[in-house]
Amino acid sequence: MMSSETDENIPVEAAVQLGFSVPFEDDDHRRFAGHNMPLWRDWDGGQLGGRPTWLNPKDIPQDYLTCKCCQIPLVFVCQIYCPCDDISPDAYHRTFYVFACPKSNSSNGCGKETTGTIRVLRTQLPKQNPYYPLEANELSTTHLPESWEVNLCRVCGQRGHGKCPVQGYHFCGRHHQKEHKKYIFNKKESSSDLESTFMPSVLTASELVVEEEPQVEKDEKSIEKAESPMFDDDDDDENDDEAGLDSNLEQADLNEMTGAGPETITKDDATMKFYDRIISIPNVNTQCLRYLRWPDQEQCLETTSPLWIRSDYRPNDADIPSCERCGAERRFEFQLMPQMLHYLLKNHEETERNKEDDKNTIKKEEIEALRAATNIIEQSEPEQVPPNLVDTTEKAVDAMRAKIMEGDTNKPNWGCVSVFTCTGSCGGLEVQEKSVLGAYTEEFAWKQPSLD
């Protein structure tokens, strides 16, 4: 995955790799995603959601990752396999892990922060390493953390600290110990049901398949399609096939996730270019990821590095730090698209749909008691109202509101996330620093908020 060459310094279209979500068909399909298997010659693309499979199974981070803005635990978003041995032999194998703040769906706070709510780890290995034999086979187990006496959290797949005496599993902290007990253990779910059982901290898992972005078609039919209203609700022509209908449905999902409407697109040039790029080429508007390692800003077309969704919340050159480990320049390598959220949050949305109403989770007698207490406060003289009644009622009302709104806020969200990485791809086995991140180096992520 490299940037394109140019002829006489004329800007050209760079070869962008696009990532798409493919649902797991069965357990065998799931086993071959990420680094579950030691058959490294078959690795390609990566994985969305679920739990990370660690390239370096021995020296994974000591502690679970937290949001740098609100300090709550992050959720695992995806992992991407991106070999870089043309730059360094220490990067024959190279994988990125992306984590996001589950509170970034709010309209303020973490929702508008550009840095710190998305964190990206990079790790790499030379071709010859302790974990993946050169002639790998399915019987090898050195790629598994348990082979190196590393216990993983039963919920999130990060390093576990301590075994719960009641549930019998390791957890990274009390937050996931409680979550597993509520959603798995108390419901008597078997271990085989873990992957399919809903837990708030685990996003929907699927395979990330990568293909090269096709060229824009210049014929009149494609141009007419590209210029057609994106938000047109009219039915398609009778001759449209099923694929076309699916494409329209996915586009509606995209509009909802980005918060975009006709007036939003037409008043921002960057937003117009963003949408034009993903609808001008057939069958790619479901792209979850765009990959283009370290493109030359002067030699490549503007939309490749990266494809911004809005004109504001964009970084200046000074905002992109050099690599803290080796001092090399960081440049754009890949970005997460808003479409990715549609696939990551499928289990969350299904769970919410199964609830008739969030208010039904509040017992009827609690509502009646609050109503009665509120009536007493409003109809009585101030000196006749016990102070503790007012305080208790206000707290109960706030708790009720928080409970009703909980399903709307505890989900990651972004307009797009652009990741800038060390152009030296430093971090071989012999120079890895022993820190809380182990053999993993943190790269720089810049988040543009969604359009709403």
Protein backbone atom coordinates (compact mmCIF):
# COMPACT_ATOMS: atom_id res chain seq x y z
CA MET A 1 0.00 0.00 0.00
CA MET A 2 2.07 2.85 -1.27
CA SER A 3 1.51 6.32 -2.68
CA SER A 4 1.59 6.69 -6.44
CA GLU A 5 4.50 7.78 -8.62
CA THR A 6 4.17 10.88 -10.75
CA ASP A 7 5.18 11.89 -14.25
CA GLU A 8 6.88 15.28 -14.53
CA ASN A 9 5.41 16.38 -11.18
CA ILE A 10 1.85 16.31 -12.49
CA PRO A 11 -0.63 15.53 -9.67
CA VAL A 12 -2.17 12.10 -10.20
CA GLU A 13 -4.77 9.92 -8.54
CA ALA A 14 -3.13 7.84 -5.83
CA ALA A 15 -4.08 4.20 -5.30
CA VAL A 16 -6.34 4.31 -2.27
CA GLN A 17 -7.24 1.06 -0.52
CA LEU A 18 -10.81 0.81 0.76
CA GLY A 19 -11.93 -1.34 3.69
CA PHE A 20 -15.37 -2.98 3.78
CA SER A 21 -17.23 -4.85 6.52
CA VAL A 22 -18.05 -8.51 5.81
CA PRO A 23 -20.18 -10.33 8.44
CA PHE A 24 -18.74 -13.50 9.92
CA GLU A 25 -20.51 -16.52 8.45
CA ASP A 26 -19.55 -18.94 11.20
CA ASP A 27 -16.90 -19.69 13.85
CA ASP A 28 -14.42 -20.92 11.24
CA HIS A 29 -14.68 -17.63 9.38
CA ARG A 30 -14.13 -15.77 12.64
CA ARG A 31 -11.07 -17.87 13.50
CA PHE A 32 -9.22 -16.73 10.40
CA ALA A 33 -9.74 -13.00 11.04
CA GLY A 34 -7.03 -10.87 12.62
CA HIS A 35 -4.27 -12.88 14.26
CA ASN A 36 -6.39 -15.71 15.67
CA MET A 37 -4.40 -18.16 13.58
CA PRO A 38 -0.60 -18.36 13.15
CA LEU A 39 -0.94 -18.73 9.36
CA TRP A 40 0.53 -15.30 8.72
CA ARG A 41 0.75 -15.78 4.95
CA ASP A 42 -3.06 -15.64 4.89
CA TRP A 43 -3.36 -12.40 6.87
CA ASP A 44 -5.06 -9.58 5.03
CA GLY A 45 -7.26 -6.63 5.95
CA GLY A 46 -8.25 -6.95 9.58
CA GLN A 47 -11.25 -6.94 11.88
CA LEU A 48 -13.94 -4.55 13.05
CA GLY A 49 -15.29 -4.72 16.58
CA GLY A 50 -15.21 -7.77 18.80
CA ARG A 51 -11.98 -8.25 20.74
CA PRO A 52 -8.45 -7.54 19.53
CA THR A 53 -6.10 -10.34 18.55
CA TRP A 54 -2.63 -9.17 19.50
CA LEU A 55 0.23 -9.39 16.99
CA ASN A 56 2.70 -9.46 19.88
CA PRO A 57 0.92 -11.73 22.38
CA LYS A 58 3.52 -11.42 25.14
CA ASP A 59 4.08 -7.68 25.57
CA ILE A 60 0.59 -6.26 25.23
CA PRO A 61 -0.22 -3.06 27.20
CA GLN A 62 -0.26 -3.51 30.96
CA ASP A 63 -3.41 -1.46 31.53
CA TYR A 64 -6.64 -0.95 29.65
CA LEU A 65 -6.76 2.22 27.57
CA THR A 66 -8.76 5.21 28.79
CA CYS A 67 -10.03 8.39 27.15
CA LYS A 68 -7.56 11.25 27.64
CA CYS A 69 -10.47 13.68 27.98
CA CYS A 70 -12.88 11.96 30.40
CA GLN A 71 -10.67 9.07 31.65
CA ILE A 72 -13.29 6.34 31.12
CA PRO A 73 -12.30 3.01 29.51
CA LEU A 74 -12.22 2.97 25.71
CA VAL A 75 -13.90 0.37 23.51
CA PHE A 76 -12.08 -1.57 20.78
CA VAL A 77 -13.00 -0.35 17.29
CA CYS A 78 -10.81 -2.23 14.80
CA GLN A 79 -7.42 -3.65 13.90
CA ILE A 80 -5.66 -3.28 10.54
CA TYR A 81 -2.77 -5.35 9.21
CA CYS A 82 -0.34 -3.05 7.33
CA PRO A 83 3.10 -4.58 6.62
CA CYS A 84 5.86 -2.02 6.12
CA ASP A 85 8.99 -4.08 5.43
CA ASP A 86 9.89 -1.80 2.50
CA ILE A 87 10.70 0.85 5.13
CA SER A 88 12.05 -1.33 7.94
CA PRO A 89 12.78 -5.08 8.26
CA ASP A 90 11.43 -4.76 11.81
CA ALA A 91 7.99 -4.06 10.31
CA TYR A 92 7.59 -7.23 8.25
CA HIS A 93 4.42 -7.71 10.30
CA ARG A 94 2.69 -4.50 11.40
CA THR A 95 -0.75 -3.98 12.92
CA PHE A 96 -2.75 -1.00 14.17
CA TYR A 97 -5.35 -1.15 16.96
CA VAL A 98 -7.96 1.60 17.27
CA PHE A 99 -9.92 2.36 20.44
CA ALA A 100 -12.65 4.98 20.96
CA CYS A 101 -14.41 6.72 23.83
CA PRO A 102 -17.97 5.38 24.25
CA LYS A 103 -19.09 8.84 25.42
CA SER A 104 -18.14 10.58 22.18
CA ASN A 105 -21.76 10.51 21.00
CA SER A 106 -22.51 13.53 23.19
CA SER A 107 -22.92 16.93 21.56
CA ASN A 108 -20.39 18.48 23.92
CA GLY A 109 -17.45 17.26 25.97
CA CYS A 110 -15.83 14.26 24.29
CA GLY A 111 -18.10 14.61 21.28
CA LYS A 112 -16.36 17.77 20.08
CA GLU A 113 -12.81 16.92 21.15
CA THR A 114 -10.45 16.36 18.21
CA THR A 115 -7.73 14.45 20.10
CA GLY A 116 -7.62 12.06 23.03
CA THR A 117 -10.98 10.35 22.50
CA ILE A 118 -9.60 8.06 19.78
CA ARG A 119 -6.34 6.25 20.54
CA VAL A 120 -4.32 4.16 18.09
CA LEU A 121 -1.63 1.61 18.95
CA ARG A 122 0.94 0.23 16.51
CA THR A 123 3.05 -2.87 16.94
CA GLN A 124 5.34 -4.74 14.55
CA LEU A 125 7.60 -7.75 14.23
CA PRO A 126 10.44 -8.86 11.95
CA LYS A 127 9.87 -11.88 9.75
CA GLN A 128 11.75 -14.08 12.18
CA ASN A 129 10.22 -13.69 15.64
CA PRO A 130 9.28 -15.82 18.66
CA TYR A 131 5.58 -15.92 17.92
CA TYR A 132 5.01 -16.89 14.27
CA PRO A 133 7.19 -19.69 12.85
CA LEU A 134 8.42 -19.16 9.29
CA GLU A 135 6.61 -22.35 8.34
CA ALA A 136 3.49 -21.74 10.34
CA ASN A 137 0.84 -24.37 10.84
CA GLU A 138 -2.47 -24.57 12.67
CA LEU A 139 -0.92 -26.53 15.54
CA SER A 140 1.40 -23.72 16.59
CA THR A 141 0.34 -21.94 19.79
CA THR A 142 3.14 -19.41 20.31
CA HIS A 143 0.87 -16.69 18.87
CA LEU A 144 -1.52 -17.08 21.81
CA PRO A 145 -1.18 -14.90 24.94
CA GLU A 146 -1.78 -17.89 27.22
CA SER A 147 1.38 -19.49 25.82
CA TRP A 148 3.26 -16.58 27.42
CA GLU A 149 1.25 -16.68 30.66
CA VAL A 150 -0.67 -13.55 29.71
CA ASN A 151 -4.31 -13.52 30.80
CA LEU A 152 -6.84 -11.51 28.82
CA CYS A 153 -9.96 -9.75 30.03
CA ARG A 154 -13.02 -11.88 29.35
CA VAL A 155 -14.95 -8.83 28.11
CA CYS A 156 -12.62 -6.56 26.13
CA GLY A 157 -9.65 -8.80 25.30
CA GLN A 158 -7.08 -6.44 26.84
CA ARG A 159 -4.68 -7.60 29.56
CA GLY A 160 -6.49 -9.14 32.54
CA HIS A 161 -5.64 -8.33 36.15
CA GLY A 162 -6.93 -10.83 38.66
CA LYS A 163 -9.41 -13.64 38.42
CA CYS A 164 -12.95 -13.22 39.68
CA PRO A 165 -13.53 -15.93 42.33
CA VAL A 166 -17.25 -16.04 41.55
CA GLN A 167 -17.25 -16.02 37.75
CA GLY A 168 -13.95 -17.82 37.25
CA TYR A 169 -12.56 -15.46 34.57
CA HIS A 170 -9.89 -12.77 34.37
CA PHE A 171 -10.89 -9.12 33.90
CA CYS A 172 -9.02 -5.89 33.22
CA GLY A 173 -10.90 -4.10 36.00
CA ARG A 174 -14.05 -4.00 38.08
CA HIS A 175 -16.02 -2.26 35.31
CA HIS A 176 -15.80 -5.29 33.04
CA GLN A 177 -16.13 -7.74 35.91
CA LYS A 178 -19.53 -6.18 36.66
CA GLU A 179 -20.52 -5.99 32.99
CA HIS A 180 -19.80 -9.67 32.40
CA LYS A 181 -21.71 -10.61 35.54
CA LYS A 182 -24.76 -8.61 34.44
CA TYR A 183 -24.92 -9.63 30.78
CA ILE A 184 -23.36 -13.12 30.81
CA PHE A 185 -22.93 -14.75 34.20
CA ASN A 186 -26.28 -13.80 35.74
CA LYS A 187 -28.05 -14.94 32.57
CA LYS A 188 -26.27 -18.31 32.69
CA GLU A 189 -24.88 -17.84 29.20
CA SER A 190 -22.45 -20.58 28.16
CA SER A 191 -18.91 -19.76 27.00
CA SER A 192 -19.90 -20.64 23.44
CA ASP A 193 -22.42 -17.80 23.47
CA LEU A 194 -19.89 -15.11 24.38
CA GLU A 195 -19.35 -13.86 20.83
CA SER A 196 -23.06 -13.51 20.10
CA THR A 197 -24.22 -12.13 23.45
CA PHE A 198 -24.64 -8.37 23.74
CA MET A 199 -22.34 -6.44 26.05
CA PRO A 200 -22.12 -2.62 25.90
CA SER A 201 -18.32 -2.58 25.81
CA VAL A 202 -18.03 -4.95 22.84
CA LEU A 203 -18.89 -3.63 19.38
CA THR A 204 -20.29 -5.85 16.63
CA ALA A 205 -17.54 -7.98 15.08
CA SER A 206 -16.97 -8.43 11.35
CA GLU A 207 -14.11 -9.01 8.95
CA LEU A 208 -12.40 -6.00 7.35
CA VAL A 209 -11.78 -6.77 3.68
CA VAL A 210 -9.56 -4.40 1.69
CA GLU A 211 -9.81 -3.65 -2.02
CA GLU A 212 -8.34 -0.95 -4.23
CA GLU A 213 -10.63 1.99 -4.92
CA PRO A 214 -11.88 1.83 -8.52
CA GLN A 215 -11.45 4.78 -10.82
CA VAL A 216 -14.29 7.24 -11.26
CA GLU A 217 -16.34 6.38 -14.33
CA LYS A 218 -16.61 9.30 -16.74
CA ASP A 219 -19.49 8.11 -18.89
CA GLU A 220 -22.68 10.15 -18.91
CA LYS A 221 -24.67 7.62 -16.92
CA SER A 222 -22.24 7.64 -13.98
CA ILE A 223 -21.97 11.43 -14.07
CA GLU A 224 -25.75 11.71 -13.97
CA LYS A 225 -25.84 9.32 -11.03
CA ALA A 226 -23.12 11.21 -9.17
CA GLU A 227 -24.94 14.51 -9.61
CA SER A 228 -28.34 13.15 -8.58
CA PRO A 229 -29.73 14.37 -5.22
CA MET A 230 -28.30 12.28 -2.42
CA PHE A 231 -31.31 12.78 -0.22
CA ASP A 232 -33.97 12.06 -2.84
CA ASP A 233 -36.59 9.76 -1.31
CA ASP A 234 -38.22 8.93 -4.65
CA ASP A 235 -38.42 5.27 -5.61
CA ASP A 236 -35.82 3.95 -8.02
CA ASP A 237 -36.69 3.08 -11.59
CA GLU A 238 -38.32 -0.29 -12.11
CA ASN A 239 -35.19 -1.50 -13.87
CA ASP A 240 -32.97 -0.91 -10.82
CA ASP A 241 -31.65 -4.13 -9.39
CA GLU A 242 -31.52 -5.23 -5.77
CA ALA A 243 -27.95 -4.01 -5.37
CA GLY A 244 -29.06 -0.48 -6.22
CA LEU A 245 -31.75 -0.59 -3.56
CA ASP A 246 -29.25 -1.82 -0.97
CA SER A 247 -26.94 1.02 -1.93
CA ASN A 248 -29.68 3.57 -1.29
CA LEU A 249 -30.43 2.03 2.08
CA GLU A 250 -26.79 2.23 3.07
CA GLN A 251 -26.66 5.86 1.93
CA ALA A 252 -29.60 6.66 4.19
CA ASP A 253 -27.69 5.10 7.07
CA LEU A 254 -24.71 7.29 6.23
CA ASN A 255 -26.83 10.44 6.15
CA GLU A 256 -28.22 9.61 9.58
CA MET A 257 -24.81 8.86 11.10
CA THR A 258 -23.14 12.02 9.88
CA GLY A 259 -26.16 14.16 10.68
CA ALA A 260 -26.05 15.56 7.15
CA GLY A 261 -28.98 17.06 5.26
CA PRO A 262 -29.18 18.83 1.90
CA GLU A 263 -28.46 22.20 3.47
CA THR A 264 -25.44 20.77 5.33
CA ILE A 265 -23.77 19.48 2.19
CA THR A 266 -24.35 22.53 0.03
CA LYS A 267 -22.94 25.02 2.51
CA ASP A 268 -19.58 23.31 3.09
CA ASP A 269 -17.16 22.63 0.22
CA ALA A 270 -15.34 19.90 2.13
CA THR A 271 -18.60 18.08 2.85
CA MET A 272 -19.61 18.31 -0.80
CA LYS A 273 -16.27 16.82 -1.88
CA PHE A 274 -16.59 14.09 0.73
CA TYR A 275 -19.99 12.97 -0.50
CA ASP A 276 -19.08 13.39 -4.15
CA ARG A 277 -16.08 11.09 -3.67
CA ILE A 278 -18.06 8.25 -2.15
CA ILE A 279 -21.07 8.37 -4.49
CA SER A 280 -19.33 9.12 -7.80
CA ILE A 281 -17.96 5.56 -7.91
CA PRO A 282 -20.56 2.75 -7.90
CA ASN A 283 -20.66 0.22 -5.05
CA VAL A 284 -18.16 1.89 -2.72
CA ASN A 285 -20.37 4.10 -0.55
CA THR A 286 -20.28 1.47 2.21
CA GLN A 287 -16.52 1.91 2.63
CA CYS A 288 -15.47 1.84 6.29
CA LEU A 289 -11.81 2.72 5.86
CA ARG A 290 -9.53 4.57 3.44
CA TYR A 291 -5.85 3.64 3.40
CA LEU A 292 -3.01 5.53 1.70
CA ARG A 293 0.32 5.35 3.47
CA TRP A 294 2.19 8.66 3.63
CA PRO A 295 0.99 10.29 0.39
CA ASP A 296 2.95 13.20 -1.03
CA GLN A 297 0.76 16.23 -0.45
CA GLU A 298 2.17 18.00 -3.51
CA GLN A 299 2.02 15.04 -5.87
CA CYS A 300 -1.32 13.43 -4.99
CA LEU A 301 -4.81 14.75 -5.51
CA GLU A 302 -6.36 16.58 -2.59
CA THR A 303 -9.05 14.04 -1.77
CA THR A 304 -6.55 11.32 -0.90
CA SER A 305 -4.81 12.76 2.10
CA PRO A 306 -7.17 12.53 3.87
CA LEU A 307 -10.80 12.88 2.77
CA TRP A 308 -12.16 15.43 5.26
CA ILE A 309 -15.88 15.45 6.00
CA ARG A 310 -16.03 19.14 7.01
CA SER A 311 -14.02 22.32 6.60
CA ASP A 312 -13.70 23.06 10.31
CA TYR A 313 -12.05 20.86 12.94
CA ARG A 314 -9.08 20.27 10.63
CA PRO A 315 -5.50 20.12 11.93
CA ASN A 316 -2.67 22.43 10.99
CA ASP A 317 0.77 20.99 10.27
CA ALA A 318 1.85 22.09 13.74
CA ASP A 319 -0.91 19.97 15.30
CA ILE A 320 0.65 16.72 14.04
CA PRO A 321 3.47 15.76 16.44
CA SER A 322 6.62 13.96 15.42
CA CYS A 323 7.16 10.43 16.71
CA GLU A 324 7.94 10.63 20.43
CA ARG A 325 10.18 7.55 20.22
CA CYS A 326 12.47 8.29 17.25
CA GLY A 327 11.64 11.87 16.25
CA ALA A 328 10.58 10.98 12.69
CA GLU A 329 7.83 12.95 10.96
CA ARG A 330 4.30 11.63 11.23
CA ARG A 331 2.15 11.61 8.09
CA PHE A 332 -1.32 10.44 7.14
CA GLU A 333 -1.75 6.69 6.69
CA PHE A 334 -5.44 5.80 7.03
CA GLN A 335 -8.81 7.09 8.15
CA LEU A 336 -11.99 5.66 9.63
CA MET A 337 -15.16 6.59 7.79
CA PRO A 338 -18.53 7.31 9.44
CA GLN A 339 -19.95 4.27 7.62
CA MET A 340 -17.93 2.08 9.99
CA LEU A 341 -20.25 3.06 12.84
CA HIS A 342 -23.20 1.44 11.06
CA TYR A 343 -21.51 -1.96 11.27
CA LEU A 344 -19.91 -1.52 14.70
CA LEU A 345 -23.19 -0.53 16.38
CA LYS A 346 -25.51 -3.14 14.86
CA ASN A 347 -25.79 -5.09 18.12
CA HIS A 348 -26.38 -1.90 20.10
CA GLU A 349 -29.10 -0.73 17.74
CA GLU A 350 -30.78 -4.13 17.76
CA THR A 351 -30.77 -4.16 21.55
CA GLU A 352 -32.32 -0.70 21.64
CA ARG A 353 -34.98 -1.72 19.13
CA ASN A 354 -35.91 -4.67 21.32
CA LYS A 355 -36.72 -2.29 24.14
CA GLU A 356 -40.27 -1.03 23.72
CA ASP A 357 -39.33 2.19 25.42
CA ASP A 358 -36.49 3.28 27.68
CA LYS A 359 -39.11 4.54 30.11
CA ASN A 360 -40.39 1.00 30.59
CA THR A 361 -37.16 0.23 32.47
CA ILE A 362 -38.33 2.53 35.22
CA LYS A 363 -40.87 0.94 37.52
CA LYS A 364 -44.31 2.47 37.44
CA GLU A 365 -44.36 2.92 41.21
CA GLU A 366 -41.13 4.93 41.02
CA ILE A 367 -42.71 7.34 38.57
CA GLU A 368 -45.83 7.65 40.72
CA ALA A 369 -43.75 8.26 43.84
CA LEU A 370 -41.75 10.98 42.10
CA ARG A 371 -44.93 12.59 40.81
CA ALA A 372 -46.45 12.60 44.30
CA ALA A 373 -43.30 14.06 45.85
CA THR A 374 -43.15 16.75 43.17
CA ASN A 375 -46.80 17.67 43.79
CA ILE A 376 -46.18 18.03 47.52
CA ILE A 377 -43.23 20.32 46.89
CA GLU A 378 -45.12 22.47 44.37
CA GLN A 379 -48.36 22.78 46.38
CA SER A 380 -46.95 23.25 49.88
CA GLU A 381 -45.54 26.32 51.53
CA PRO A 382 -41.72 26.34 51.40
CA GLU A 383 -41.41 26.17 55.20
CA GLN A 384 -43.59 23.06 55.27
CA VAL A 385 -41.45 21.06 52.85
CA PRO A 386 -38.71 18.95 54.46
CA PRO A 387 -35.31 19.95 52.93
CA ASN A 388 -34.32 16.33 52.43
CA LEU A 389 -37.48 15.72 50.34
CA VAL A 390 -36.49 18.39 47.83
CA ASP A 391 -32.92 17.10 47.59
CA THR A 392 -33.99 13.45 47.27
CA THR A 393 -36.59 14.25 44.63
CA GLU A 394 -34.17 16.27 42.50
CA LYS A 395 -31.61 13.49 42.60
CA ALA A 396 -34.23 10.91 41.68
CA VAL A 397 -35.41 12.99 38.73
CA ASP A 398 -31.83 13.45 37.51
CA ALA A 399 -31.21 9.71 37.84
CA MET A 400 -34.36 8.97 35.85
CA ARG A 401 -33.34 11.33 33.07
CA ALA A 402 -29.85 9.84 32.97
CA LYS A 403 -31.30 6.34 32.75
CA ILE A 404 -33.59 7.32 29.89
CA MET A 405 -30.77 8.99 27.98
CA GLU A 406 -28.15 6.33 28.66
CA GLY A 407 -28.82 4.42 25.46
CA ASP A 408 -28.32 7.55 23.38
CA THR A 409 -24.95 8.64 24.74
CA ASN A 410 -22.88 5.51 25.44
CA LYS A 411 -21.82 4.88 21.86
CA PRO A 412 -18.69 5.99 19.99
CA ASN A 413 -19.21 8.56 17.27
CA TRP A 414 -17.19 10.55 14.75
CA GLY A 415 -17.39 12.33 11.42
CA CYS A 416 -14.09 10.79 10.34
CA VAL A 417 -10.87 9.82 12.10
CA SER A 418 -7.52 10.43 10.39
CA VAL A 419 -4.46 8.60 11.69
CA PHE A 420 -0.93 9.96 11.26
CA THR A 421 1.94 7.51 11.81
CA CYS A 422 5.70 7.44 12.24
CA THR A 423 7.35 7.48 8.79
CA GLY A 424 10.34 5.65 10.24
CA SER A 425 8.09 2.85 11.51
CA CYS A 426 10.34 2.54 14.56
CA GLY A 427 9.95 -0.10 17.21
CA GLY A 428 11.86 -3.32 16.49
CA LEU A 429 12.07 -6.05 19.11
CA GLU A 430 15.57 -5.02 20.15
CA VAL A 431 14.69 -1.35 20.81
CA GLN A 432 11.22 -1.62 22.32
CA GLU A 433 10.86 0.35 25.50
CA LYS A 434 9.37 -1.39 28.49
CA SER A 435 6.41 0.74 29.48
CA VAL A 436 2.73 0.37 30.24
CA LEU A 437 2.18 0.03 26.49
CA GLY A 438 4.65 -2.85 26.25
CA ALA A 439 5.69 -3.47 22.64
CA TYR A 440 2.98 -1.11 21.41
CA THR A 441 3.57 2.47 20.29
CA GLU A 442 0.83 5.09 20.31
CA GLU A 443 0.28 6.97 17.07
CA PHE A 444 -1.62 10.22 16.52
CA ALA A 445 -5.34 10.31 15.67
CA TRP A 446 -7.35 13.39 14.73
CA LYS A 447 -11.14 13.18 14.97
CA GLN A 448 -13.56 15.39 13.10
CA PRO A 449 -16.93 15.40 14.92
CA SER A 450 -20.05 14.29 13.09
CA LEU A 451 -22.00 16.96 11.24
CA ASP A 452 -24.97 17.19 13.61
